[in-house]
Amino acid sequence: MILYNTTFKVDLNEIVNFRLFLDDFFKNLKDETDLFQLLNEDSLDGITYCFQIKFED
């Protein structure tokens, strides 16, 4: 399995649009994707997300 991991810092005003975009863009890979919110102290200007896609070999 290949795990592709990316991290995004999303502006507080754009969180809804970001999540809608991911849901729409990766709708065919719904079972192979995960989105996690990272917990950190620097969340005043945005929230950090980790987005993962799993691929079979």
PDB file of N, CA and C in Angstrom:
ATOM      1  N   MET A   1       0.846  -1.172   0.000  1.00  0.00           N
ATOM      2  CA  MET A   1       0.000   0.000   0.000  1.00  0.00           C
ATOM      3  C   MET A   1       0.894   1.238   0.000  1.00  0.00           C
ATOM      4  N   ILE A   2       0.442   2.256  -0.689  1.00  0.00           N
ATOM      5  CA  ILE A   2       1.110   3.553  -0.699  1.00  0.00           C
ATOM      6  C   ILE A   2       0.203   4.535   0.023  1.00  0.00           C
ATOM      7  N   LEU A   3       0.778   5.270   0.954  1.00  0.00           N
ATOM      8  CA  LEU A   3       0.033   6.283   1.693  1.00  0.00           C
ATOM      9  C   LEU A   3       0.585   7.646   1.313  1.00  0.00           C
ATOM     10  N   TYR A   4      -0.247   8.458   0.678  1.00  0.00           N
ATOM     11  CA  TYR A   4       0.133   9.814   0.285  1.00  0.00           C
ATOM     12  C   TYR A   4      -0.431  10.761   1.326  1.00  0.00           C
ATOM     13  N   ASN A   5       0.438  11.563   1.940  1.00  0.00           N
ATOM     14  CA  ASN A   5       0.057  12.435   3.040  1.00  0.00           C
ATOM     15  C   ASN A   5       0.392  13.880   2.690  1.00  0.00           C
ATOM     16  N   THR A   6      -0.564  14.770   2.844  1.00  0.00           N
ATOM     17  CA  THR A   6      -0.319  16.203   2.655  1.00  0.00           C
ATOM     18  C   THR A   6      -0.888  16.957   3.848  1.00  0.00           C
ATOM     19  N   THR A   7      -0.335  18.124   4.089  1.00  0.00           N
ATOM     20  CA  THR A   7      -0.780  18.948   5.206  1.00  0.00           C
ATOM     21  C   THR A   7      -1.172  20.320   4.675  1.00  0.00           C
ATOM     22  N   PHE A   8      -2.299  20.829   5.157  1.00  0.00           N
ATOM     23  CA  PHE A   8      -2.813  22.124   4.736  1.00  0.00           C
ATOM     24  C   PHE A   8      -3.100  22.982   5.960  1.00  0.00           C
ATOM     25  N   LYS A   9      -2.772  24.255   5.869  1.00  0.00           N
ATOM     26  CA  LYS A   9      -3.211  25.219   6.875  1.00  0.00           C
ATOM     27  C   LYS A   9      -4.308  26.040   6.210  1.00  0.00           C
ATOM     28  N   VAL A  10      -5.524  25.950   6.733  1.00  0.00           N
ATOM     29  CA  VAL A  10      -6.694  26.552   6.100  1.00  0.00           C
ATOM     30  C   VAL A  10      -7.158  27.751   6.915  1.00  0.00           C
ATOM     31  N   ASP A  11      -7.341  28.858   6.223  1.00  0.00           N
ATOM     32  CA  ASP A  11      -7.835  30.080   6.850  1.00  0.00           C
ATOM     33  C   ASP A  11      -9.181  29.801   7.513  1.00  0.00           C
ATOM     34  N   LEU A  12      -9.401  30.410   8.654  1.00  0.00           N
ATOM     35  CA  LEU A  12     -10.636  30.171   9.410  1.00  0.00           C
ATOM     36  C   LEU A  12     -11.891  30.494   8.596  1.00  0.00           C
ATOM     37  N   ASN A  13     -11.790  31.468   7.689  1.00  0.00           N
ATOM     38  CA  ASN A  13     -12.949  31.853   6.875  1.00  0.00           C
ATOM     39  C   ASN A  13     -13.202  30.906   5.711  1.00  0.00           C
ATOM     40  N   GLU A  14     -12.274  30.002   5.427  1.00  0.00           N
ATOM     41  CA  GLU A  14     -12.382  29.127   4.258  1.00  0.00           C
ATOM     42  C   GLU A  14     -12.530  27.648   4.595  1.00  0.00           C
ATOM     43  N   ILE A  15     -12.724  27.311   5.841  1.00  0.00           N
ATOM     44  CA  ILE A  15     -12.778  25.903   6.248  1.00  0.00           C
ATOM     45  C   ILE A  15     -13.930  25.159   5.568  1.00  0.00           C
ATOM     46  N   VAL A  16     -15.097  25.747   5.525  1.00  0.00           N
ATOM     47  CA  VAL A  16     -16.249  25.087   4.901  1.00  0.00           C
ATOM     48  C   VAL A  16     -15.974  24.852   3.419  1.00  0.00           C
ATOM     49  N   ASN A  17     -15.453  25.859   2.723  1.00  0.00           N
ATOM     50  CA  ASN A  17     -15.155  25.715   1.293  1.00  0.00           C
ATOM     51  C   ASN A  17     -14.075  24.660   1.055  1.00  0.00           C
ATOM     52  N   PHE A  18     -13.073  24.610   1.904  1.00  0.00           N
ATOM     53  CA  PHE A  18     -12.004  23.622   1.785  1.00  0.00           C
ATOM     54  C   PHE A  18     -12.547  22.204   1.913  1.00  0.00           C
ATOM     55  N   ARG A  19     -13.372  21.989   2.899  1.00  0.00           N
ATOM     56  CA  ARG A  19     -13.942  20.650   3.103  1.00  0.00           C
ATOM     57  C   ARG A  19     -14.888  20.276   1.971  1.00  0.00           C
ATOM     58  N   LEU A  20     -15.674  21.209   1.481  1.00  0.00           N
ATOM     59  CA  LEU A  20     -16.549  20.944   0.340  1.00  0.00           C
ATOM     60  C   LEU A  20     -15.735  20.610  -0.907  1.00  0.00           C
ATOM     61  N   PHE A  21     -14.642  21.337  -1.121  1.00  0.00           N
ATOM     62  CA  PHE A  21     -13.780  21.067  -2.264  1.00  0.00           C
ATOM     63  C   PHE A  21     -13.209  19.649  -2.192  1.00  0.00           C
ATOM     64  N   LEU A  22     -12.667  19.263  -1.040  1.00  0.00           N
ATOM     65  CA  LEU A  22     -12.099  17.919  -0.899  1.00  0.00           C
ATOM     66  C   LEU A  22     -13.152  16.850  -1.133  1.00  0.00           C
ATOM     67  N   ASP A  23     -14.323  17.032  -0.569  1.00  0.00           N
ATOM     68  CA  ASP A  23     -15.400  16.056  -0.751  1.00  0.00           C
ATOM     69  C   ASP A  23     -15.793  15.922  -2.226  1.00  0.00           C
ATOM     70  N   ASP A  24     -15.852  17.045  -2.929  1.00  0.00           N
ATOM     71  CA  ASP A  24     -16.245  17.019  -4.328  1.00  0.00           C
ATOM     72  C   ASP A  24     -15.127  16.483  -5.225  1.00  0.00           C
ATOM     73  N   PHE A  25     -13.913  16.967  -5.018  1.00  0.00           N
ATOM     74  CA  PHE A  25     -12.792  16.595  -5.881  1.00  0.00           C
ATOM     75  C   PHE A  25     -12.420  15.119  -5.748  1.00  0.00           C
ATOM     76  N   PHE A  26     -12.515  14.581  -4.531  1.00  0.00           N
ATOM     77  CA  PHE A  26     -12.138  13.193  -4.276  1.00  0.00           C
ATOM     78  C   PHE A  26     -13.343  12.284  -4.043  1.00  0.00           C
ATOM     79  N   LYS A  27     -14.481  12.634  -4.621  1.00  0.00           N
ATOM     80  CA  LYS A  27     -15.702  11.861  -4.378  1.00  0.00           C
ATOM     81  C   LYS A  27     -15.579  10.413  -4.839  1.00  0.00           C
ATOM     82  N   ASN A  28     -14.764  10.146  -5.860  1.00  0.00           N
ATOM     83  CA  ASN A  28     -14.585   8.772  -6.336  1.00  0.00           C
ATOM     84  C   ASN A  28     -13.628   7.967  -5.458  1.00  0.00           C
ATOM     85  N   LEU A  29     -12.895   8.639  -4.587  1.00  0.00           N
ATOM     86  CA  LEU A  29     -11.944   7.968  -3.696  1.00  0.00           C
ATOM     87  C   LEU A  29     -12.373   8.065  -2.236  1.00  0.00           C
ATOM     88  N   LYS A  30     -13.654   8.200  -2.004  1.00  0.00           N
ATOM     89  CA  LYS A  30     -14.171   8.430  -0.650  1.00  0.00           C
ATOM     90  C   LYS A  30     -13.672   7.413   0.375  1.00  0.00           C
ATOM     91  N   ASP A  31     -13.630   6.141   0.004  1.00  0.00           N
ATOM     92  CA  ASP A  31     -13.205   5.102   0.946  1.00  0.00           C
ATOM     93  C   ASP A  31     -11.695   5.090   1.162  1.00  0.00           C
ATOM     94  N   GLU A  32     -10.933   5.702   0.253  1.00  0.00           N
ATOM     95  CA  GLU A  32      -9.483   5.684   0.343  1.00  0.00           C
ATOM     96  C   GLU A  32      -8.888   6.955   0.943  1.00  0.00           C
ATOM     97  N   THR A  33      -9.726   7.898   1.351  1.00  0.00           N
ATOM     98  CA  THR A  33      -9.215   9.166   1.871  1.00  0.00           C
ATOM     99  C   THR A  33      -9.606   9.362   3.332  1.00  0.00           C
ATOM    100  N   ASP A  34      -8.742  10.111   4.023  1.00  0.00           N
ATOM    101  CA  ASP A  34      -9.003  10.493   5.412  1.00  0.00           C
ATOM    102  C   ASP A  34      -8.572  11.937   5.598  1.00  0.00           C
ATOM    103  N   LEU A  35      -9.295  12.658   6.429  1.00  0.00           N
ATOM    104  CA  LEU A  35      -8.957  14.029   6.766  1.00  0.00           C
ATOM    105  C   LEU A  35      -8.909  14.131   8.281  1.00  0.00           C
ATOM    106  N   PHE A  36      -7.769  14.609   8.787  1.00  0.00           N
ATOM    107  CA  PHE A  36      -7.582  14.747  10.221  1.00  0.00           C
ATOM    108  C   PHE A  36      -7.256  16.194  10.551  1.00  0.00           C
ATOM    109  N   GLN A  37      -7.828  16.682  11.628  1.00  0.00           N
ATOM    110  CA  GLN A  37      -7.482  18.007  12.108  1.00  0.00           C
ATOM    111  C   GLN A  37      -6.343  17.851  13.109  1.00  0.00           C
ATOM    112  N   LEU A  38      -5.248  18.550  12.859  1.00  0.00           N
ATOM    113  CA  LEU A  38      -4.108  18.478  13.754  1.00  0.00           C
ATOM    114  C   LEU A  38      -4.316  19.439  14.915  1.00  0.00           C
ATOM    115  N   LEU A  39      -3.987  18.984  16.080  1.00  0.00           N
ATOM    116  CA  LEU A  39      -4.133  19.813  17.270  1.00  0.00           C
ATOM    117  C   LEU A  39      -2.800  20.504  17.542  1.00  0.00           C
ATOM    118  N   ASN A  40      -2.812  21.810  17.484  1.00  0.00           N
ATOM    119  CA  ASN A  40      -1.611  22.578  17.775  1.00  0.00           C
ATOM    120  C   ASN A  40      -1.990  23.911  18.398  1.00  0.00           C
ATOM    121  N   GLU A  41      -1.000  24.604  18.871  1.00  0.00           N
ATOM    122  CA  GLU A  41      -1.257  25.874  19.548  1.00  0.00           C
ATOM    123  C   GLU A  41      -1.450  27.028  18.570  1.00  0.00           C
ATOM    124  N   ASP A  42      -0.970  26.862  17.358  1.00  0.00           N
ATOM    125  CA  ASP A  42      -1.008  27.936  16.372  1.00  0.00           C
ATOM    126  C   ASP A  42      -2.271  27.853  15.516  1.00  0.00           C
ATOM    127  N   SER A  43      -3.422  28.067  16.118  1.00  0.00           N
ATOM    128  CA  SER A  43      -4.669  27.978  15.361  1.00  0.00           C
ATOM    129  C   SER A  43      -5.421  29.305  15.334  1.00  0.00           C
ATOM    130  N   LEU A  44      -4.730  30.395  15.588  1.00  0.00           N
ATOM    131  CA  LEU A  44      -5.394  31.692  15.588  1.00  0.00           C
ATOM    132  C   LEU A  44      -5.730  32.163  14.180  1.00  0.00           C
ATOM    133  N   ASP A  45      -4.900  31.823  13.201  1.00  0.00           N
ATOM    134  CA  ASP A  45      -5.138  32.287  11.843  1.00  0.00           C
ATOM    135  C   ASP A  45      -5.625  31.185  10.912  1.00  0.00           C
ATOM    136  N   GLY A  46      -5.763  29.976  11.415  1.00  0.00           N
ATOM    137  CA  GLY A  46      -6.242  28.884  10.580  1.00  0.00           C
ATOM    138  C   GLY A  46      -6.121  27.547  11.290  1.00  0.00           C
ATOM    139  N   ILE A  47      -6.665  26.539  10.668  1.00  0.00           N
ATOM    140  CA  ILE A  47      -6.627  25.190  11.228  1.00  0.00           C
ATOM    141  C   ILE A  47      -5.779  24.321  10.305  1.00  0.00           C
ATOM    142  N   THR A  48      -4.943  23.482  10.898  1.00  0.00           N
ATOM    143  CA  THR A  48      -4.076  22.604  10.137  1.00  0.00           C
ATOM    144  C   THR A  48      -4.750  21.246   9.972  1.00  0.00           C
ATOM    145  N   TYR A  49      -4.818  20.795   8.725  1.00  0.00           N
ATOM    146  CA  TYR A  49      -5.407  19.503   8.401  1.00  0.00           C
ATOM    147  C   TYR A  49      -4.362  18.605   7.757  1.00  0.00           C
ATOM    148  N   CYS A  50      -4.478  17.330   8.033  1.00  0.00           N
ATOM    149  CA  CYS A  50      -3.674  16.307   7.379  1.00  0.00           C
ATOM    150  C   CYS A  50      -4.630  15.511   6.500  1.00  0.00           C
ATOM    151  N   PHE A  51      -4.319  15.443   5.212  1.00  0.00           N
ATOM    152  CA  PHE A  51      -5.160  14.736   4.246  1.00  0.00           C
ATOM    153  C   PHE A  51      -4.369  13.539   3.725  1.00  0.00           C
ATOM    154  N   GLN A  52      -4.963  12.365   3.793  1.00  0.00           N
ATOM    155  CA  GLN A  52      -4.275  11.140   3.374  1.00  0.00           C
ATOM    156  C   GLN A  52      -5.103  10.393   2.330  1.00  0.00           C
ATOM    157  N   ILE A  53      -4.367   9.859   1.334  1.00  0.00           N
ATOM    158  CA  ILE A  53      -4.978   9.005   0.325  1.00  0.00           C
ATOM    159  C   ILE A  53      -4.212   7.677   0.321  1.00  0.00           C
ATOM    160  N   LYS A  54      -4.962   6.584   0.357  1.00  0.00           N
ATOM    161  CA  LYS A  54      -4.350   5.253   0.347  1.00  0.00           C
ATOM    162  C   LYS A  54      -4.521   4.633  -1.037  1.00  0.00           C
ATOM    163  N   PHE A  55      -3.403   4.103  -1.582  1.00  0.00           N
ATOM    164  CA  PHE A  55      -3.404   3.424  -2.873  1.00  0.00           C
ATOM    165  C   PHE A  55      -2.906   1.997  -2.692  1.00  0.00           C
ATOM    166  N   GLU A  56      -3.518   1.074  -3.399  1.00  0.00           N
ATOM    167  CA  GLU A  56      -3.020  -0.292  -3.398  1.00  0.00           C
ATOM    168  C   GLU A  56      -1.760  -0.358  -4.247  1.00  0.00           C
ATOM    169  N   ASP A  57      -0.909  -1.329  -3.970  1.00  0.00           N
ATOM    170  CA  ASP A  57       0.335  -1.499  -4.740  1.00  0.00           C
ATOM    171  C   ASP A  57       0.024  -1.771  -6.194  1.00  0.00           C
TER     172      ASP A  57
END
